[in-house]
Amino acid sequence: MVVATRKKSAHPARPTPAQLYDAVYWGMFRVESGRPDAELCLAATLLRAWLALEELPADSEPRQWLRNVSPVCVEMLESLRDRRVSGDTASCIEE
């Protein structure tokens, strides 16, 4: 008996704006909780969000939300980087 299987797509489905909101929110939460590698995941999520929203109109609600939240995320990431450079906290790799 031969069973047909579906080939996985090389290009995953693009996330919806609601999924992007959720992913960025939880990424920020994980950074604030000090989860290992959370800052890298948040940075990647922000990049994915910008790429996914590229096709929407410039004045759309998801793009505006991302414009508003991205500076906060960048400040969080820079603050963590600065603390690690000064030796105030261990690197994710060292944990």
PDB file of N, CA and C in Angstrom:
ATOM      1  N   MET A   1       0.832  -1.184   0.000  1.00  0.00           N
ATOM      2  CA  MET A   1       0.000   0.000   0.000  1.00  0.00           C
ATOM      3  C   MET A   1       0.877   1.248   0.000  1.00  0.00           C
ATOM      4  N   VAL A   2       0.586   2.171  -0.887  1.00  0.00           N
ATOM      5  CA  VAL A   2       1.342   3.414  -0.993  1.00  0.00           C
ATOM      6  C   VAL A   2       0.508   4.533  -0.370  1.00  0.00           C
ATOM      7  N   VAL A   3       1.148   5.271   0.523  1.00  0.00           N
ATOM      8  CA  VAL A   3       0.463   6.386   1.174  1.00  0.00           C
ATOM      9  C   VAL A   3       1.062   7.677   0.645  1.00  0.00           C
ATOM     10  N   ALA A   4       0.226   8.532   0.142  1.00  0.00           N
ATOM     11  CA  ALA A   4       0.701   9.826  -0.370  1.00  0.00           C
ATOM     12  C   ALA A   4       0.980  10.750   0.806  1.00  0.00           C
ATOM     13  N   THR A   5       2.091  11.421   0.731  1.00  0.00           N
ATOM     14  CA  THR A   5       2.419  12.409   1.759  1.00  0.00           C
ATOM     15  C   THR A   5       2.547  13.767   1.102  1.00  0.00           C
ATOM     16  N   ARG A   6       2.253  14.763   1.859  1.00  0.00           N
ATOM     17  CA  ARG A   6       2.324  16.126   1.357  1.00  0.00           C
ATOM     18  C   ARG A   6       3.726  16.680   1.588  1.00  0.00           C
ATOM     19  N   LYS A   7       4.305  17.212   0.563  1.00  0.00           N
ATOM     20  CA  LYS A   7       5.637  17.793   0.660  1.00  0.00           C
ATOM     21  C   LYS A   7       5.551  19.133   1.398  1.00  0.00           C
ATOM     22  N   LYS A   8       6.472  19.330   2.344  1.00  0.00           N
ATOM     23  CA  LYS A   8       6.496  20.590   3.081  1.00  0.00           C
ATOM     24  C   LYS A   8       6.954  21.715   2.170  1.00  0.00           C
ATOM     25  N   SER A   9       6.327  22.838   2.335  1.00  0.00           N
ATOM     26  CA  SER A   9       6.684  24.007   1.541  1.00  0.00           C
ATOM     27  C   SER A   9       8.009  24.589   2.031  1.00  0.00           C
ATOM     28  N   ALA A  10       8.828  25.032   1.105  1.00  0.00           N
ATOM     29  CA  ALA A  10      10.082  25.692   1.462  1.00  0.00           C
ATOM     30  C   ALA A  10       9.821  27.074   2.026  1.00  0.00           C
ATOM     31  N   HIS A  11       8.633  27.615   1.739  1.00  0.00           N
ATOM     32  CA  HIS A  11       8.255  28.945   2.214  1.00  0.00           C
ATOM     33  C   HIS A  11       7.061  28.815   3.153  1.00  0.00           C
ATOM     34  N   PRO A  12       7.286  28.974   4.463  1.00  0.00           N
ATOM     35  CA  PRO A  12       6.173  28.851   5.397  1.00  0.00           C
ATOM     36  C   PRO A  12       5.149  29.962   5.175  1.00  0.00           C
ATOM     37  N   ALA A  13       3.926  29.701   5.600  1.00  0.00           N
ATOM     38  CA  ALA A  13       2.853  30.693   5.465  1.00  0.00           C
ATOM     39  C   ALA A  13       3.217  31.955   6.242  1.00  0.00           C
ATOM     40  N   ARG A  14       2.848  33.101   5.678  1.00  0.00           N
ATOM     41  CA  ARG A  14       3.129  34.362   6.364  1.00  0.00           C
ATOM     42  C   ARG A  14       2.195  34.514   7.557  1.00  0.00           C
ATOM     43  N   PRO A  15       2.745  34.994   8.665  1.00  0.00           N
ATOM     44  CA  PRO A  15       1.901  35.175   9.842  1.00  0.00           C
ATOM     45  C   PRO A  15       0.906  36.324   9.641  1.00  0.00           C
ATOM     46  N   THR A  16      -0.206  36.218  10.316  1.00  0.00           N
ATOM     47  CA  THR A  16      -1.207  37.283  10.266  1.00  0.00           C
ATOM     48  C   THR A  16      -0.763  38.414  11.183  1.00  0.00           C
ATOM     49  N   PRO A  17      -1.330  39.619  11.021  1.00  0.00           N
ATOM     50  CA  PRO A  17      -0.995  40.705  11.949  1.00  0.00           C
ATOM     51  C   PRO A  17      -1.236  40.327  13.408  1.00  0.00           C
ATOM     52  N   ALA A  18      -2.305  39.602  13.693  1.00  0.00           N
ATOM     53  CA  ALA A  18      -2.584  39.191  15.075  1.00  0.00           C
ATOM     54  C   ALA A  18      -1.487  38.273  15.605  1.00  0.00           C
ATOM     55  N   GLN A  19      -0.988  37.373  14.761  1.00  0.00           N
ATOM     56  CA  GLN A  19       0.098  36.486  15.179  1.00  0.00           C
ATOM     57  C   GLN A  19       1.379  37.285  15.425  1.00  0.00           C
ATOM     58  N   LEU A  20       1.600  38.313  14.615  1.00  0.00           N
ATOM     59  CA  LEU A  20       2.784  39.155  14.801  1.00  0.00           C
ATOM     60  C   LEU A  20       2.699  39.944  16.097  1.00  0.00           C
ATOM     61  N   TYR A  21       1.521  40.512  16.390  1.00  0.00           N
ATOM     62  CA  TYR A  21       1.340  41.232  17.660  1.00  0.00           C
ATOM     63  C   TYR A  21       1.705  40.307  18.815  1.00  0.00           C
ATOM     64  N   ASP A  22       1.142  39.102  18.769  1.00  0.00           N
ATOM     65  CA  ASP A  22       1.346  38.136  19.837  1.00  0.00           C
ATOM     66  C   ASP A  22       2.820  37.756  19.966  1.00  0.00           C
ATOM     67  N   ALA A  23       3.470  37.490  18.857  1.00  0.00           N
ATOM     68  CA  ALA A  23       4.879  37.074  18.886  1.00  0.00           C
ATOM     69  C   ALA A  23       5.777  38.174  19.440  1.00  0.00           C
ATOM     70  N   VAL A  24       5.546  39.423  19.034  1.00  0.00           N
ATOM     71  CA  VAL A  24       6.366  40.530  19.532  1.00  0.00           C
ATOM     72  C   VAL A  24       6.096  40.752  21.022  1.00  0.00           C
ATOM     73  N   TYR A  25       4.832  40.722  21.414  1.00  0.00           N
ATOM     74  CA  TYR A  25       4.487  40.906  22.829  1.00  0.00           C
ATOM     75  C   TYR A  25       5.182  39.858  23.696  1.00  0.00           C
ATOM     76  N   TRP A  26       5.067  38.582  23.300  1.00  0.00           N
ATOM     77  CA  TRP A  26       5.680  37.528  24.095  1.00  0.00           C
ATOM     78  C   TRP A  26       7.201  37.600  24.046  1.00  0.00           C
ATOM     79  N   GLY A  27       7.752  38.044  22.925  1.00  0.00           N
ATOM     80  CA  GLY A  27       9.199  38.245  22.860  1.00  0.00           C
ATOM     81  C   GLY A  27       9.665  39.288  23.851  1.00  0.00           C
ATOM     82  N   MET A  28       8.919  40.396  23.957  1.00  0.00           N
ATOM     83  CA  MET A  28       9.259  41.442  24.927  1.00  0.00           C
ATOM     84  C   MET A  28       9.139  40.905  26.352  1.00  0.00           C
ATOM     85  N   PHE A  29       8.096  40.144  26.613  1.00  0.00           N
ATOM     86  CA  PHE A  29       7.882  39.553  27.937  1.00  0.00           C
ATOM     87  C   PHE A  29       9.052  38.643  28.311  1.00  0.00           C
ATOM     88  N   ARG A  30       9.498  37.822  27.362  1.00  0.00           N
ATOM     89  CA  ARG A  30      10.609  36.910  27.634  1.00  0.00           C
ATOM     90  C   ARG A  30      11.912  37.666  27.910  1.00  0.00           C
ATOM     91  N   VAL A  31      12.131  38.762  27.179  1.00  0.00           N
ATOM     92  CA  VAL A  31      13.321  39.579  27.432  1.00  0.00           C
ATOM     93  C   VAL A  31      13.262  40.144  28.845  1.00  0.00           C
ATOM     94  N   GLU A  32      12.118  40.698  29.226  1.00  0.00           N
ATOM     95  CA  GLU A  32      11.962  41.271  30.564  1.00  0.00           C
ATOM     96  C   GLU A  32      12.103  40.225  31.655  1.00  0.00           C
ATOM     97  N   SER A  33      11.744  38.966  31.379  1.00  0.00           N
ATOM     98  CA  SER A  33      11.859  37.903  32.376  1.00  0.00           C
ATOM     99  C   SER A  33      13.259  37.312  32.439  1.00  0.00           C
ATOM    100  N   GLY A  34      14.138  37.749  31.540  1.00  0.00           N
ATOM    101  CA  GLY A  34      15.506  37.247  31.548  1.00  0.00           C
ATOM    102  C   GLY A  34      15.658  35.854  30.965  1.00  0.00           C
ATOM    103  N   ARG A  35      14.755  35.440  30.082  1.00  0.00           N
ATOM    104  CA  ARG A  35      14.858  34.117  29.464  1.00  0.00           C
ATOM    105  C   ARG A  35      16.092  34.050  28.569  1.00  0.00           C
ATOM    106  N   PRO A  36      16.814  32.936  28.604  1.00  0.00           N
ATOM    107  CA  PRO A  36      18.012  32.800  27.760  1.00  0.00           C
ATOM    108  C   PRO A  36      17.670  32.962  26.273  1.00  0.00           C
ATOM    109  N   ASP A  37      18.492  33.675  25.575  1.00  0.00           N
ATOM    110  CA  ASP A  37      18.361  33.923  24.136  1.00  0.00           C
ATOM    111  C   ASP A  37      17.092  34.673  23.739  1.00  0.00           C
ATOM    112  N   ALA A  38      16.386  35.257  24.698  1.00  0.00           N
ATOM    113  CA  ALA A  38      15.140  35.962  24.392  1.00  0.00           C
ATOM    114  C   ALA A  38      15.389  37.178  23.512  1.00  0.00           C
ATOM    115  N   GLU A  39      16.505  37.874  23.728  1.00  0.00           N
ATOM    116  CA  GLU A  39      16.757  39.067  22.927  1.00  0.00           C
ATOM    117  C   GLU A  39      16.990  38.737  21.459  1.00  0.00           C
ATOM    118  N   LEU A  40      17.663  37.632  21.185  1.00  0.00           N
ATOM    119  CA  LEU A  40      17.867  37.215  19.797  1.00  0.00           C
ATOM    120  C   LEU A  40      16.526  36.855  19.159  1.00  0.00           C
ATOM    121  N   CYS A  41      15.691  36.158  19.904  1.00  0.00           N
ATOM    122  CA  CYS A  41      14.365  35.784  19.379  1.00  0.00           C
ATOM    123  C   CYS A  41      13.512  37.027  19.128  1.00  0.00           C
ATOM    124  N   LEU A  42      13.573  38.009  20.019  1.00  0.00           N
ATOM    125  CA  LEU A  42      12.803  39.232  19.826  1.00  0.00           C
ATOM    126  C   LEU A  42      13.286  39.980  18.591  1.00  0.00           C
ATOM    127  N   ALA A  43      14.598  40.079  18.421  1.00  0.00           N
ATOM    128  CA  ALA A  43      15.138  40.763  17.243  1.00  0.00           C
ATOM    129  C   ALA A  43      14.692  40.057  15.957  1.00  0.00           C
ATOM    130  N   ALA A  44      14.744  38.734  15.942  1.00  0.00           N
ATOM    131  CA  ALA A  44      14.315  37.978  14.763  1.00  0.00           C
ATOM    132  C   ALA A  44      12.819  38.149  14.514  1.00  0.00           C
ATOM    133  N   THR A  45      12.041  38.185  15.576  1.00  0.00           N
ATOM    134  CA  THR A  45      10.591  38.372  15.439  1.00  0.00           C
ATOM    135  C   THR A  45      10.277  39.743  14.862  1.00  0.00           C
ATOM    136  N   LEU A  46      10.998  40.771  15.323  1.00  0.00           N
ATOM    137  CA  LEU A  46      10.784  42.111  14.772  1.00  0.00           C
ATOM    138  C   LEU A  46      11.122  42.158  13.287  1.00  0.00           C
ATOM    139  N   LEU A  47      12.209  41.516  12.908  1.00  0.00           N
ATOM    140  CA  LEU A  47      12.570  41.479  11.485  1.00  0.00           C
ATOM    141  C   LEU A  47      11.517  40.741  10.668  1.00  0.00           C
ATOM    142  N   ARG A  48      11.045  39.613  11.189  1.00  0.00           N
ATOM    143  CA  ARG A  48       9.991  38.878  10.483  1.00  0.00           C
ATOM    144  C   ARG A  48       8.733  39.732  10.352  1.00  0.00           C
ATOM    145  N   ALA A  49       8.411  40.469  11.407  1.00  0.00           N
ATOM    146  CA  ALA A  49       7.217  41.316  11.381  1.00  0.00           C
ATOM    147  C   ALA A  49       7.350  42.389  10.302  1.00  0.00           C
ATOM    148  N   TRP A  50       8.507  43.053  10.236  1.00  0.00           N
ATOM    149  CA  TRP A  50       8.693  44.080   9.208  1.00  0.00           C
ATOM    150  C   TRP A  50       8.611  43.487   7.807  1.00  0.00           C
ATOM    151  N   LEU A  51       9.188  42.308   7.617  1.00  0.00           N
ATOM    152  CA  LEU A  51       9.124  41.675   6.302  1.00  0.00           C
ATOM    153  C   LEU A  51       7.695  41.288   5.934  1.00  0.00           C
ATOM    154  N   ALA A  52       6.957  40.778   6.889  1.00  0.00           N
ATOM    155  CA  ALA A  52       5.582  40.353   6.615  1.00  0.00           C
ATOM    156  C   ALA A  52       4.659  41.538   6.368  1.00  0.00           C
ATOM    157  N   LEU A  53       4.929  42.656   7.004  1.00  0.00           N
ATOM    158  CA  LEU A  53       4.051  43.818   6.880  1.00  0.00           C
ATOM    159  C   LEU A  53       4.417  44.701   5.694  1.00  0.00           C
ATOM    160  N   GLU A  54       5.494  44.345   5.014  1.00  0.00           N
ATOM    161  CA  GLU A  54       5.972  45.136   3.884  1.00  0.00           C
ATOM    162  C   GLU A  54       4.900  45.328   2.809  1.00  0.00           C
ATOM    163  N   GLU A  55       4.039  44.344   2.662  1.00  0.00           N
ATOM    164  CA  GLU A  55       3.039  44.397   1.602  1.00  0.00           C
ATOM    165  C   GLU A  55       1.801  45.205   1.968  1.00  0.00           C
ATOM    166  N   LEU A  56       1.660  45.581   3.233  1.00  0.00           N
ATOM    167  CA  LEU A  56       0.483  46.341   3.655  1.00  0.00           C
ATOM    168  C   LEU A  56       0.668  47.834   3.380  1.00  0.00           C
ATOM    169  N   PRO A  57      -0.425  48.564   3.266  1.00  0.00           N
ATOM    170  CA  PRO A  57      -0.319  50.010   3.058  1.00  0.00           C
ATOM    171  C   PRO A  57       0.433  50.680   4.214  1.00  0.00           C
ATOM    172  N   ALA A  58       1.144  51.755   3.903  1.00  0.00           N
ATOM    173  CA  ALA A  58       1.976  52.441   4.899  1.00  0.00           C
ATOM    174  C   ALA A  58       1.176  52.960   6.090  1.00  0.00           C
ATOM    175  N   ASP A  59      -0.098  53.264   5.881  1.00  0.00           N
ATOM    176  CA  ASP A  59      -0.900  53.815   6.977  1.00  0.00           C
ATOM    177  C   ASP A  59      -1.774  52.763   7.662  1.00  0.00           C
ATOM    178  N   SER A  60      -1.489  51.481   7.444  1.00  0.00           N
ATOM    179  CA  SER A  60      -2.302  50.424   8.039  1.00  0.00           C
ATOM    180  C   SER A  60      -2.044  50.318   9.543  1.00  0.00           C
ATOM    181  N   GLU A  61      -3.034  49.799  10.253  1.00  0.00           N
ATOM    182  CA  GLU A  61      -2.925  49.668  11.704  1.00  0.00           C
ATOM    183  C   GLU A  61      -1.757  48.780  12.139  1.00  0.00           C
ATOM    184  N   PRO A  62      -1.550  47.601  11.514  1.00  0.00           N
ATOM    185  CA  PRO A  62      -0.419  46.765  11.931  1.00  0.00           C
ATOM    186  C   PRO A  62       0.934  47.460  11.745  1.00  0.00           C
ATOM    187  N   ARG A  63       1.096  48.182  10.660  1.00  0.00           N
ATOM    188  CA  ARG A  63       2.370  48.894  10.447  1.00  0.00           C
ATOM    189  C   ARG A  63       2.550  49.995  11.479  1.00  0.00           C
ATOM    190  N   GLN A  64       1.479  50.714  11.777  1.00  0.00           N
ATOM    191  CA  GLN A  64       1.573  51.790  12.769  1.00  0.00           C
ATOM    192  C   GLN A  64       1.916  51.215  14.142  1.00  0.00           C
ATOM    193  N   TRP A  65       1.288  50.096  14.490  1.00  0.00           N
ATOM    194  CA  TRP A  65       1.578  49.464  15.774  1.00  0.00           C
ATOM    195  C   TRP A  65       3.043  49.058  15.833  1.00  0.00           C
ATOM    196  N   LEU A  66       3.550  48.467  14.759  1.00  0.00           N
ATOM    197  CA  LEU A  66       4.937  48.028  14.734  1.00  0.00           C
ATOM    198  C   LEU A  66       5.892  49.219  14.813  1.00  0.00           C
ATOM    199  N   ARG A  67       5.543  50.317  14.155  1.00  0.00           N
ATOM    200  CA  ARG A  67       6.364  51.534  14.262  1.00  0.00           C
ATOM    201  C   ARG A  67       6.417  52.034  15.696  1.00  0.00           C
ATOM    202  N   ASN A  68       5.321  51.908  16.415  1.00  0.00           N
ATOM    203  CA  ASN A  68       5.270  52.388  17.797  1.00  0.00           C
ATOM    204  C   ASN A  68       6.000  51.472  18.773  1.00  0.00           C
ATOM    205  N   VAL A  69       5.899  50.161  18.574  1.00  0.00           N
ATOM    206  CA  VAL A  69       6.478  49.224  19.524  1.00  0.00           C
ATOM    207  C   VAL A  69       7.959  48.944  19.240  1.00  0.00           C
ATOM    208  N   SER A  70       8.389  49.067  18.006  1.00  0.00           N
ATOM    209  CA  SER A  70       9.782  48.748  17.666  1.00  0.00           C
ATOM    210  C   SER A  70      10.808  49.579  18.433  1.00  0.00           C
ATOM    211  N   PRO A  71      10.622  50.893  18.599  1.00  0.00           N
ATOM    212  CA  PRO A  71      11.612  51.642  19.377  1.00  0.00           C
ATOM    213  C   PRO A  71      11.736  51.151  20.817  1.00  0.00           C
ATOM    214  N   VAL A  72      10.629  50.726  21.413  1.00  0.00           N
ATOM    215  CA  VAL A  72      10.670  50.191  22.773  1.00  0.00           C
ATOM    216  C   VAL A  72      11.471  48.897  22.788  1.00  0.00           C
ATOM    217  N   CYS A  73      11.232  48.045  21.804  1.00  0.00           N
ATOM    218  CA  CYS A  73      11.971  46.783  21.710  1.00  0.00           C
ATOM    219  C   CYS A  73      13.464  47.033  21.515  1.00  0.00           C
ATOM    220  N   VAL A  74      13.802  47.970  20.663  1.00  0.00           N
ATOM    221  CA  VAL A  74      15.210  48.280  20.412  1.00  0.00           C
ATOM    222  C   VAL A  74      15.872  48.811  21.690  1.00  0.00           C
ATOM    223  N   GLU A  75      15.168  49.654  22.439  1.00  0.00           N
ATOM    224  CA  GLU A  75      15.720  50.150  23.709  1.00  0.00           C
ATOM    225  C   GLU A  75      15.968  49.004  24.686  1.00  0.00           C
ATOM    226  N   MET A  76      15.046  48.046  24.742  1.00  0.00           N
ATOM    227  CA  MET A  76      15.227  46.886  25.610  1.00  0.00           C
ATOM    228  C   MET A  76      16.472  46.105  25.206  1.00  0.00           C
ATOM    229  N   LEU A  77      16.625  45.864  23.914  1.00  0.00           N
ATOM    230  CA  LEU A  77      17.765  45.106  23.418  1.00  0.00           C
ATOM    231  C   LEU A  77      19.080  45.840  23.674  1.00  0.00           C
ATOM    232  N   GLU A  78      19.088  47.148  23.436  1.00  0.00           N
ATOM    233  CA  GLU A  78      20.308  47.927  23.669  1.00  0.00           C
ATOM    234  C   GLU A  78      20.661  47.972  25.145  1.00  0.00           C
ATOM    235  N   SER A  79      19.670  48.064  26.004  1.00  0.00           N
ATOM    236  CA  SER A  79      19.914  48.085  27.440  1.00  0.00           C
ATOM    237  C   SER A  79      20.552  46.776  27.901  1.00  0.00           C
ATOM    238  N   LEU A  80      20.037  45.664  27.405  1.00  0.00           N
ATOM    239  CA  LEU A  80      20.625  44.374  27.749  1.00  0.00           C
ATOM    240  C   LEU A  80      22.058  44.265  27.242  1.00  0.00           C
ATOM    241  N   ARG A  81      22.262  44.716  26.006  1.00  0.00           N
ATOM    242  CA  ARG A  81      23.613  44.666  25.439  1.00  0.00           C
ATOM    243  C   ARG A  81      24.573  45.499  26.276  1.00  0.00           C
ATOM    244  N   ASP A  82      24.148  46.698  26.643  1.00  0.00           N
ATOM    245  CA  ASP A  82      25.018  47.581  27.427  1.00  0.00           C
ATOM    246  C   ASP A  82      25.349  46.984  28.790  1.00  0.00           C
ATOM    247  N   ARG A  83      24.365  46.346  29.427  1.00  0.00           N
ATOM    248  CA  ARG A  83      24.625  45.716  30.730  1.00  0.00           C
ATOM    249  C   ARG A  83      25.589  44.556  30.580  1.00  0.00           C
ATOM    250  N   ARG A  84      25.461  43.809  29.489  1.00  0.00           N
ATOM    251  CA  ARG A  84      26.364  42.666  29.289  1.00  0.00           C
ATOM    252  C   ARG A  84      27.780  43.137  28.991  1.00  0.00           C
ATOM    253  N   VAL A  85      27.884  44.198  28.221  1.00  0.00           N
ATOM    254  CA  VAL A  85      29.219  44.732  27.894  1.00  0.00           C
ATOM    255  C   VAL A  85      29.904  45.244  29.155  1.00  0.00           C
ATOM    256  N   SER A  86      29.130  45.862  30.053  1.00  0.00           N
ATOM    257  CA  SER A  86      29.725  46.391  31.289  1.00  0.00           C
ATOM    258  C   SER A  86      29.932  45.320  32.338  1.00  0.00           C
ATOM    259  N   GLY A  87      29.448  44.100  32.089  1.00  0.00           N
ATOM    260  CA  GLY A  87      29.659  43.010  33.018  1.00  0.00           C
ATOM    261  C   GLY A  87      28.620  42.900  34.107  1.00  0.00           C
ATOM    262  N   ASP A  88      27.495  43.624  33.963  1.00  0.00           N
ATOM    263  CA  ASP A  88      26.470  43.581  35.009  1.00  0.00           C
ATOM    264  C   ASP A  88      25.681  42.279  35.021  1.00  0.00           C
ATOM    265  N   THR A  89      25.660  41.562  33.923  1.00  0.00           N
ATOM    266  CA  THR A  89      24.895  40.319  33.860  1.00  0.00           C
ATOM    267  C   THR A  89      25.600  39.342  32.929  1.00  0.00           C
ATOM    268  N   ALA A  90      25.325  38.083  33.101  1.00  0.00           N
ATOM    269  CA  ALA A  90      25.968  37.058  32.276  1.00  0.00           C
ATOM    270  C   ALA A  90      25.357  37.025  30.884  1.00  0.00           C
ATOM    271  N   SER A  91      26.156  36.618  29.942  1.00  0.00           N
ATOM    272  CA  SER A  91      25.658  36.427  28.590  1.00  0.00           C
ATOM    273  C   SER A  91      24.742  35.214  28.543  1.00  0.00           C
ATOM    274  N   CYS A  92      23.818  35.206  27.611  1.00  0.00           N
ATOM    275  CA  CYS A  92      22.933  34.047  27.445  1.00  0.00           C
ATOM    276  C   CYS A  92      23.747  32.787  27.206  1.00  0.00           C
ATOM    277  N   ILE A  93      24.852  32.927  26.515  1.00  0.00           N
ATOM    278  CA  ILE A  93      25.674  31.766  26.177  1.00  0.00           C
ATOM    279  C   ILE A  93      26.316  31.178  27.443  1.00  0.00           C
ATOM    280  N   GLU A  94      26.598  32.039  28.417  1.00  0.00           N
ATOM    281  CA  GLU A  94      27.264  31.577  29.630  1.00  0.00           C
ATOM    282  C   GLU A  94      26.305  30.939  30.614  1.00  0.00           C
ATOM    283  N   GLU A  95      24.999  31.144  30.448  1.00  0.00           N
ATOM    284  CA  GLU A  95      24.031  30.645  31.425  1.00  0.00           C
ATOM    285  C   GLU A  95      23.822  29.166  31.330  1.00  0.00           C
TER     286      GLU A  95
END
